[in-house]
Amino acid sequence: MPDLHVLTSDQKPRDQDNNIVLTEVVRPGRGMEYTVTVLVDGTAIAVSGPFLTLEEAVDQASGQARHYELDPIYFRREQD
């Protein structure tokens, strides 16, 4: 598993212009889903998901981290 840095609700990635954020969204009554967002030079250049499992989302984020040479992957939880 890649290096995941967990962000609290008030934290932001260290490099706010170039990063990968894996977001877990809790949807009441429907469970959880995950999205992966890649930010390069302050622009979202890729958004993937929703994924139904954390493993799928981590695999996607890992591939994008290698492709865009971004490290670490940030992990954030949100409530819908």
PDB file of N, CA and C in Angstrom:
ATOM      1  N   MET A   1       0.856  -1.183   0.000  1.00  0.00           N
ATOM      2  CA  MET A   1       0.000   0.000   0.000  1.00  0.00           C
ATOM      3  C   MET A   1       0.897   1.239   0.000  1.00  0.00           C
ATOM      4  N   PRO A   2       0.553   2.235  -0.786  1.00  0.00           N
ATOM      5  CA  PRO A   2       1.357   3.461  -0.826  1.00  0.00           C
ATOM      6  C   PRO A   2       1.235   4.241   0.477  1.00  0.00           C
ATOM      7  N   ASP A   3       2.071   5.234   0.593  1.00  0.00           N
ATOM      8  CA  ASP A   3       2.073   6.094   1.771  1.00  0.00           C
ATOM      9  C   ASP A   3       0.865   7.030   1.704  1.00  0.00           C
ATOM     10  N   LEU A   4      -0.092   6.824   2.621  1.00  0.00           N
ATOM     11  CA  LEU A   4      -1.282   7.676   2.694  1.00  0.00           C
ATOM     12  C   LEU A   4      -1.151   8.619   3.879  1.00  0.00           C
ATOM     13  N   HIS A   5      -1.304   9.899   3.638  1.00  0.00           N
ATOM     14  CA  HIS A   5      -1.300  10.887   4.707  1.00  0.00           C
ATOM     15  C   HIS A   5      -2.738  11.300   4.976  1.00  0.00           C
ATOM     16  N   VAL A   6      -3.208  11.020   6.163  1.00  0.00           N
ATOM     17  CA  VAL A   6      -4.591  11.328   6.528  1.00  0.00           C
ATOM     18  C   VAL A   6      -4.711  12.809   6.873  1.00  0.00           C
ATOM     19  N   LEU A   7      -5.696  13.451   6.261  1.00  0.00           N
ATOM     20  CA  LEU A   7      -5.975  14.862   6.532  1.00  0.00           C
ATOM     21  C   LEU A   7      -7.204  14.960   7.420  1.00  0.00           C
ATOM     22  N   THR A   8      -7.127  15.794   8.430  1.00  0.00           N
ATOM     23  CA  THR A   8      -8.318  16.078   9.223  1.00  0.00           C
ATOM     24  C   THR A   8      -9.148  17.099   8.449  1.00  0.00           C
ATOM     25  N   SER A   9     -10.347  17.364   8.907  1.00  0.00           N
ATOM     26  CA  SER A   9     -11.251  18.243   8.165  1.00  0.00           C
ATOM     27  C   SER A   9     -10.698  19.650   7.966  1.00  0.00           C
ATOM     28  N   ASP A  10      -9.811  20.109   8.840  1.00  0.00           N
ATOM     29  CA  ASP A  10      -9.276  21.467   8.709  1.00  0.00           C
ATOM     30  C   ASP A  10      -7.883  21.509   8.079  1.00  0.00           C
ATOM     31  N   GLN A  11      -7.343  20.372   7.669  1.00  0.00           N
ATOM     32  CA  GLN A  11      -6.012  20.334   7.061  1.00  0.00           C
ATOM     33  C   GLN A  11      -6.091  20.357   5.540  1.00  0.00           C
ATOM     34  N   LYS A  12      -5.011  20.832   4.937  1.00  0.00           N
ATOM     35  CA  LYS A  12      -4.873  20.847   3.486  1.00  0.00           C
ATOM     36  C   LYS A  12      -3.558  20.150   3.129  1.00  0.00           C
ATOM     37  N   PRO A  13      -3.441  19.625   1.909  1.00  0.00           N
ATOM     38  CA  PRO A  13      -2.169  19.028   1.495  1.00  0.00           C
ATOM     39  C   PRO A  13      -1.036  20.044   1.596  1.00  0.00           C
ATOM     40  N   ARG A  14       0.154  19.550   1.873  1.00  0.00           N
ATOM     41  CA  ARG A  14       1.323  20.431   2.006  1.00  0.00           C
ATOM     42  C   ARG A  14       1.522  21.258   0.737  1.00  0.00           C
ATOM     43  N   ASP A  15       1.522  20.611  -0.423  1.00  0.00           N
ATOM     44  CA  ASP A  15       1.612  21.319  -1.697  1.00  0.00           C
ATOM     45  C   ASP A  15       0.193  21.408  -2.244  1.00  0.00           C
ATOM     46  N   GLN A  16      -0.437  22.554  -2.117  1.00  0.00           N
ATOM     47  CA  GLN A  16      -1.838  22.697  -2.500  1.00  0.00           C
ATOM     48  C   GLN A  16      -2.041  22.794  -4.003  1.00  0.00           C
ATOM     49  N   ASP A  17      -0.968  22.956  -4.783  1.00  0.00           N
ATOM     50  CA  ASP A  17      -1.087  23.056  -6.235  1.00  0.00           C
ATOM     51  C   ASP A  17      -0.832  21.745  -6.953  1.00  0.00           C
ATOM     52  N   ASN A  18      -0.097  20.823  -6.338  1.00  0.00           N
ATOM     53  CA  ASN A  18       0.281  19.567  -6.972  1.00  0.00           C
ATOM     54  C   ASN A  18       0.110  18.444  -5.962  1.00  0.00           C
ATOM     55  N   ASN A  19      -0.976  17.682  -6.099  1.00  0.00           N
ATOM     56  CA  ASN A  19      -1.219  16.615  -5.138  1.00  0.00           C
ATOM     57  C   ASN A  19      -2.248  15.629  -5.656  1.00  0.00           C
ATOM     58  N   ILE A  20      -2.369  14.527  -4.930  1.00  0.00           N
ATOM     59  CA  ILE A  20      -3.408  13.535  -5.171  1.00  0.00           C
ATOM     60  C   ILE A  20      -4.162  13.358  -3.864  1.00  0.00           C
ATOM     61  N   VAL A  21      -5.494  13.502  -3.945  1.00  0.00           N
ATOM     62  CA  VAL A  21      -6.323  13.322  -2.754  1.00  0.00           C
ATOM     63  C   VAL A  21      -7.328  12.209  -3.023  1.00  0.00           C
ATOM     64  N   LEU A  22      -7.304  11.221  -2.156  1.00  0.00           N
ATOM     65  CA  LEU A  22      -8.291  10.136  -2.167  1.00  0.00           C
ATOM     66  C   LEU A  22      -9.323  10.526  -1.116  1.00  0.00           C
ATOM     67  N   THR A  23     -10.572  10.672  -1.533  1.00  0.00           N
ATOM     68  CA  THR A  23     -11.622  11.119  -0.623  1.00  0.00           C
ATOM     69  C   THR A  23     -12.623   9.999  -0.368  1.00  0.00           C
ATOM     70  N   GLU A  24     -12.874   9.739   0.900  1.00  0.00           N
ATOM     71  CA  GLU A  24     -13.902   8.784   1.303  1.00  0.00           C
ATOM     72  C   GLU A  24     -15.142   9.593   1.660  1.00  0.00           C
ATOM     73  N   VAL A  25     -16.248   9.323   0.982  1.00  0.00           N
ATOM     74  CA  VAL A  25     -17.487  10.040   1.239  1.00  0.00           C
ATOM     75  C   VAL A  25     -18.491   9.069   1.850  1.00  0.00           C
ATOM     76  N   VAL A  26     -18.982   9.416   3.024  1.00  0.00           N
ATOM     77  CA  VAL A  26     -19.991   8.611   3.697  1.00  0.00           C
ATOM     78  C   VAL A  26     -21.355   9.135   3.273  1.00  0.00           C
ATOM     79  N   ARG A  27     -22.130   8.284   2.630  1.00  0.00           N
ATOM     80  CA  ARG A  27     -23.468   8.654   2.171  1.00  0.00           C
ATOM     81  C   ARG A  27     -24.484   7.918   3.039  1.00  0.00           C
ATOM     82  N   PRO A  28     -25.173   8.642   3.928  1.00  0.00           N
ATOM     83  CA  PRO A  28     -26.133   7.999   4.825  1.00  0.00           C
ATOM     84  C   PRO A  28     -27.125   7.112   4.071  1.00  0.00           C
ATOM     85  N   GLY A  29     -27.255   5.885   4.534  1.00  0.00           N
ATOM     86  CA  GLY A  29     -28.178   4.953   3.914  1.00  0.00           C
ATOM     87  C   GLY A  29     -27.650   4.266   2.678  1.00  0.00           C
ATOM     88  N   ARG A  30     -26.509   4.725   2.156  1.00  0.00           N
ATOM     89  CA  ARG A  30     -25.958   4.129   0.934  1.00  0.00           C
ATOM     90  C   ARG A  30     -24.539   3.620   1.122  1.00  0.00           C
ATOM     91  N   GLY A  31     -23.938   3.851   2.263  1.00  0.00           N
ATOM     92  CA  GLY A  31     -22.578   3.381   2.494  1.00  0.00           C
ATOM     93  C   GLY A  31     -21.534   4.397   2.088  1.00  0.00           C
ATOM     94  N   MET A  32     -20.356   3.877   1.737  1.00  0.00           N
ATOM     95  CA  MET A  32     -19.229   4.748   1.405  1.00  0.00           C
ATOM     96  C   MET A  32     -18.850   4.609  -0.061  1.00  0.00           C
ATOM     97  N   GLU A  33     -18.307   5.671  -0.596  1.00  0.00           N
ATOM     98  CA  GLU A  33     -17.694   5.622  -1.915  1.00  0.00           C
ATOM     99  C   GLU A  33     -16.454   6.486  -1.888  1.00  0.00           C
ATOM    100  N   TYR A  34     -15.583   6.273  -2.866  1.00  0.00           N
ATOM    101  CA  TYR A  34     -14.272   6.917  -2.880  1.00  0.00           C
ATOM    102  C   TYR A  34     -14.039   7.581  -4.229  1.00  0.00           C
ATOM    103  N   THR A  35     -13.383   8.731  -4.209  1.00  0.00           N
ATOM    104  CA  THR A  35     -12.955   9.402  -5.430  1.00  0.00           C
ATOM    105  C   THR A  35     -11.481   9.747  -5.307  1.00  0.00           C
ATOM    106  N   VAL A  36     -10.834   9.887  -6.456  1.00  0.00           N
ATOM    107  CA  VAL A  36      -9.429  10.255  -6.507  1.00  0.00           C
ATOM    108  C   VAL A  36      -9.318  11.495  -7.385  1.00  0.00           C
ATOM    109  N   THR A  37      -8.700  12.542  -6.855  1.00  0.00           N
ATOM    110  CA  THR A  37      -8.521  13.792  -7.592  1.00  0.00           C
ATOM    111  C   THR A  37      -7.036  14.103  -7.707  1.00  0.00           C
ATOM    112  N   VAL A  38      -6.592  14.385  -8.935  1.00  0.00           N
ATOM    113  CA  VAL A  38      -5.198  14.761  -9.194  1.00  0.00           C
ATOM    114  C   VAL A  38      -5.166  16.243  -9.534  1.00  0.00           C
ATOM    115  N   LEU A  39      -4.366  16.993  -8.790  1.00  0.00           N
ATOM    116  CA  LEU A  39      -4.214  18.431  -8.999  1.00  0.00           C
ATOM    117  C   LEU A  39      -2.786  18.705  -9.472  1.00  0.00           C
ATOM    118  N   VAL A  40      -2.639  19.365 -10.623  1.00  0.00           N
ATOM    119  CA  VAL A  40      -1.327  19.756 -11.141  1.00  0.00           C
ATOM    120  C   VAL A  40      -1.390  21.233 -11.484  1.00  0.00           C
ATOM    121  N   ASP A  41      -0.463  21.979 -10.950  1.00  0.00           N
ATOM    122  CA  ASP A  41      -0.411  23.435 -11.149  1.00  0.00           C
ATOM    123  C   ASP A  41      -1.743  24.099 -10.788  1.00  0.00           C
ATOM    124  N   GLY A  42      -2.388  23.582  -9.731  1.00  0.00           N
ATOM    125  CA  GLY A  42      -3.621  24.174  -9.224  1.00  0.00           C
ATOM    126  C   GLY A  42      -4.872  23.803  -9.990  1.00  0.00           C
ATOM    127  N   THR A  43      -4.748  22.929 -11.000  1.00  0.00           N
ATOM    128  CA  THR A  43      -5.898  22.532 -11.812  1.00  0.00           C
ATOM    129  C   THR A  43      -6.166  21.052 -11.652  1.00  0.00           C
ATOM    130  N   ALA A  44      -7.432  20.703 -11.440  1.00  0.00           N
ATOM    131  CA  ALA A  44      -7.794  19.283 -11.377  1.00  0.00           C
ATOM    132  C   ALA A  44      -7.698  18.711 -12.791  1.00  0.00           C
ATOM    133  N   ILE A  45      -6.715  17.837 -13.000  1.00  0.00           N
ATOM    134  CA  ILE A  45      -6.523  17.279 -14.336  1.00  0.00           C
ATOM    135  C   ILE A  45      -7.108  15.881 -14.469  1.00  0.00           C
ATOM    136  N   ALA A  46      -7.448  15.266 -13.340  1.00  0.00           N
ATOM    137  CA  ALA A  46      -8.075  13.941 -13.383  1.00  0.00           C
ATOM    138  C   ALA A  46      -8.915  13.745 -12.130  1.00  0.00           C
ATOM    139  N   VAL A  47     -10.129  13.256 -12.338  1.00  0.00           N
ATOM    140  CA  VAL A  47     -11.006  12.879 -11.230  1.00  0.00           C
ATOM    141  C   VAL A  47     -11.540  11.493 -11.574  1.00  0.00           C
ATOM    142  N   SER A  48     -11.316  10.540 -10.682  1.00  0.00           N
ATOM    143  CA  SER A  48     -11.730   9.160 -10.926  1.00  0.00           C
ATOM    144  C   SER A  48     -12.690   8.709  -9.844  1.00  0.00           C
ATOM    145  N   GLY A  49     -13.620   7.856 -10.232  1.00  0.00           N
ATOM    146  CA  GLY A  49     -14.561   7.301  -9.277  1.00  0.00           C
ATOM    147  C   GLY A  49     -15.969   7.619  -9.707  1.00  0.00           C
ATOM    148  N   PRO A  50     -16.925   7.261  -8.905  1.00  0.00           N
ATOM    149  CA  PRO A  50     -16.754   6.735  -7.557  1.00  0.00           C
ATOM    150  C   PRO A  50     -16.344   5.258  -7.570  1.00  0.00           C
ATOM    151  N   PHE A  51     -15.530   4.909  -6.582  1.00  0.00           N
ATOM    152  CA  PHE A  51     -15.127   3.531  -6.348  1.00  0.00           C
ATOM    153  C   PHE A  51     -15.892   3.035  -5.128  1.00  0.00           C
ATOM    154  N   LEU A  52     -16.253   1.767  -5.139  1.00  0.00           N
ATOM    155  CA  LEU A  52     -17.022   1.215  -4.027  1.00  0.00           C
ATOM    156  C   LEU A  52     -16.148   0.658  -2.923  1.00  0.00           C
ATOM    157  N   THR A  53     -14.854   0.411  -3.229  1.00  0.00           N
ATOM    158  CA  THR A  53     -13.953  -0.107  -2.197  1.00  0.00           C
ATOM    159  C   THR A  53     -12.717   0.772  -2.091  1.00  0.00           C
ATOM    160  N   LEU A  54     -12.165   0.802  -0.892  1.00  0.00           N
ATOM    161  CA  LEU A  54     -10.944   1.561  -0.668  1.00  0.00           C
ATOM    162  C   LEU A  54      -9.804   0.974  -1.490  1.00  0.00           C
ATOM    163  N   GLU A  55      -9.764  -0.337  -1.621  1.00  0.00           N
ATOM    164  CA  GLU A  55      -8.693  -0.990  -2.384  1.00  0.00           C
ATOM    165  C   GLU A  55      -8.668  -0.518  -3.836  1.00  0.00           C
ATOM    166  N   GLU A  56      -9.842  -0.432  -4.477  1.00  0.00           N
ATOM    167  CA  GLU A  56      -9.916   0.058  -5.856  1.00  0.00           C
ATOM    168  C   GLU A  56      -9.403   1.496  -5.948  1.00  0.00           C
ATOM    169  N   ALA A  57      -9.814   2.328  -5.002  1.00  0.00           N
ATOM    170  CA  ALA A  57      -9.409   3.731  -5.008  1.00  0.00           C
ATOM    171  C   ALA A  57      -7.906   3.870  -4.777  1.00  0.00           C
ATOM    172  N   VAL A  58      -7.355   3.078  -3.863  1.00  0.00           N
ATOM    173  CA  VAL A  58      -5.911   3.123  -3.597  1.00  0.00           C
ATOM    174  C   VAL A  58      -5.139   2.673  -4.834  1.00  0.00           C
ATOM    175  N   ASP A  59      -5.609   1.630  -5.506  1.00  0.00           N
ATOM    176  CA  ASP A  59      -4.945   1.181  -6.737  1.00  0.00           C
ATOM    177  C   ASP A  59      -4.934   2.284  -7.785  1.00  0.00           C
ATOM    178  N   GLN A  60      -6.067   2.964  -7.946  1.00  0.00           N
ATOM    179  CA  GLN A  60      -6.161   4.069  -8.910  1.00  0.00           C
ATOM    180  C   GLN A  60      -5.235   5.216  -8.507  1.00  0.00           C
ATOM    181  N   ALA A  61      -5.259   5.592  -7.241  1.00  0.00           N
ATOM    182  CA  ALA A  61      -4.410   6.685  -6.759  1.00  0.00           C
ATOM    183  C   ALA A  61      -2.937   6.340  -6.917  1.00  0.00           C
ATOM    184  N   SER A  62      -2.569   5.091  -6.654  1.00  0.00           N
ATOM    185  CA  SER A  62      -1.168   4.659  -6.783  1.00  0.00           C
ATOM    186  C   SER A  62      -0.690   4.774  -8.228  1.00  0.00           C
ATOM    187  N   GLY A  63      -1.532   4.328  -9.151  1.00  0.00           N
ATOM    188  CA  GLY A  63      -1.176   4.430 -10.567  1.00  0.00           C
ATOM    189  C   GLY A  63      -1.016   5.874 -11.002  1.00  0.00           C
ATOM    190  N   GLN A  64      -1.902   6.732 -10.546  1.00  0.00           N
ATOM    191  CA  GLN A  64      -1.808   8.149 -10.907  1.00  0.00           C
ATOM    192  C   GLN A  64      -0.606   8.810 -10.234  1.00  0.00           C
ATOM    193  N   ALA A  65      -0.288   8.409  -9.023  1.00  0.00           N
ATOM    194  CA  ALA A  65       0.883   8.952  -8.331  1.00  0.00           C
ATOM    195  C   ALA A  65       2.151   8.628  -9.107  1.00  0.00           C
ATOM    196  N   ARG A  66       2.244   7.394  -9.603  1.00  0.00           N
ATOM    197  CA  ARG A  66       3.417   7.017 -10.414  1.00  0.00           C
ATOM    198  C   ARG A  66       3.436   7.803 -11.726  1.00  0.00           C
ATOM    199  N   HIS A  67       2.286   7.879 -12.389  1.00  0.00           N
ATOM    200  CA  HIS A  67       2.203   8.547 -13.685  1.00  0.00           C
ATOM    201  C   HIS A  67       2.568  10.032 -13.596  1.00  0.00           C
ATOM    202  N   TYR A  68       2.025  10.710 -12.597  1.00  0.00           N
ATOM    203  CA  TYR A  68       2.255  12.153 -12.463  1.00  0.00           C
ATOM    204  C   TYR A  68       3.413  12.489 -11.529  1.00  0.00           C
ATOM    205  N   GLU A  69       4.066  11.438 -10.993  1.00  0.00           N
ATOM    206  CA  GLU A  69       5.212  11.608 -10.090  1.00  0.00           C
ATOM    207  C   GLU A  69       4.858  12.504  -8.905  1.00  0.00           C
ATOM    208  N   LEU A  70       3.744  12.179  -8.254  1.00  0.00           N
ATOM    209  CA  LEU A  70       3.296  12.920  -7.074  1.00  0.00           C
ATOM    210  C   LEU A  70       3.314  11.998  -5.865  1.00  0.00           C
ATOM    211  N   ASP A  71       3.817  12.493  -4.766  1.00  0.00           N
ATOM    212  CA  ASP A  71       3.892  11.714  -3.536  1.00  0.00           C
ATOM    213  C   ASP A  71       3.856  12.689  -2.377  1.00  0.00           C
ATOM    214  N   PRO A  72       3.173  12.437  -1.321  1.00  0.00           N
ATOM    215  CA  PRO A  72       2.372  11.266  -0.977  1.00  0.00           C
ATOM    216  C   PRO A  72       0.955  11.402  -1.519  1.00  0.00           C
ATOM    217  N   ILE A  73       0.143  10.393  -1.239  1.00  0.00           N
ATOM    218  CA  ILE A  73      -1.280  10.435  -1.526  1.00  0.00           C
ATOM    219  C   ILE A  73      -1.971  10.877  -0.232  1.00  0.00           C
ATOM    220  N   TYR A  74      -2.823  11.869  -0.343  1.00  0.00           N
ATOM    221  CA  TYR A  74      -3.553  12.361   0.824  1.00  0.00           C
ATOM    222  C   TYR A  74      -4.913  11.671   0.900  1.00  0.00           C
ATOM    223  N   PHE A  75      -5.357  11.411   2.118  1.00  0.00           N
ATOM    224  CA  PHE A  75      -6.629  10.727   2.348  1.00  0.00           C
ATOM    225  C   PHE A  75      -7.505  11.624   3.210  1.00  0.00           C
ATOM    226  N   ARG A  76      -8.736  11.857   2.747  1.00  0.00           N
ATOM    227  CA  ARG A  76      -9.666  12.735   3.470  1.00  0.00           C
ATOM    228  C   ARG A  76     -11.022  12.029   3.590  1.00  0.00           C
ATOM    229  N   ARG A  77     -11.669  12.209   4.735  1.00  0.00           N
ATOM    230  CA  ARG A  77     -13.023  11.681   4.959  1.00  0.00           C
ATOM    231  C   ARG A  77     -14.016  12.830   4.959  1.00  0.00           C
ATOM    232  N   GLU A  78     -15.132  12.603   4.285  1.00  0.00           N
ATOM    233  CA  GLU A  78     -16.196  13.613   4.254  1.00  0.00           C
ATOM    234  C   GLU A  78     -17.533  12.943   4.529  1.00  0.00           C
ATOM    235  N   GLN A  79     -18.431  13.690   5.103  1.00  0.00           N
ATOM    236  CA  GLN A  79     -19.790  13.229   5.357  1.00  0.00           C
ATOM    237  C   GLN A  79     -20.719  13.930   4.386  1.00  0.00           C
ATOM    238  N   ASP A  80     -21.561  13.192   3.714  1.00  0.00           N
ATOM    239  CA  ASP A  80     -22.489  13.788   2.736  1.00  0.00           C
ATOM    240  C   ASP A  80     -23.775  14.203   3.412  1.00  0.00           C
TER     241      ASP A  80
END
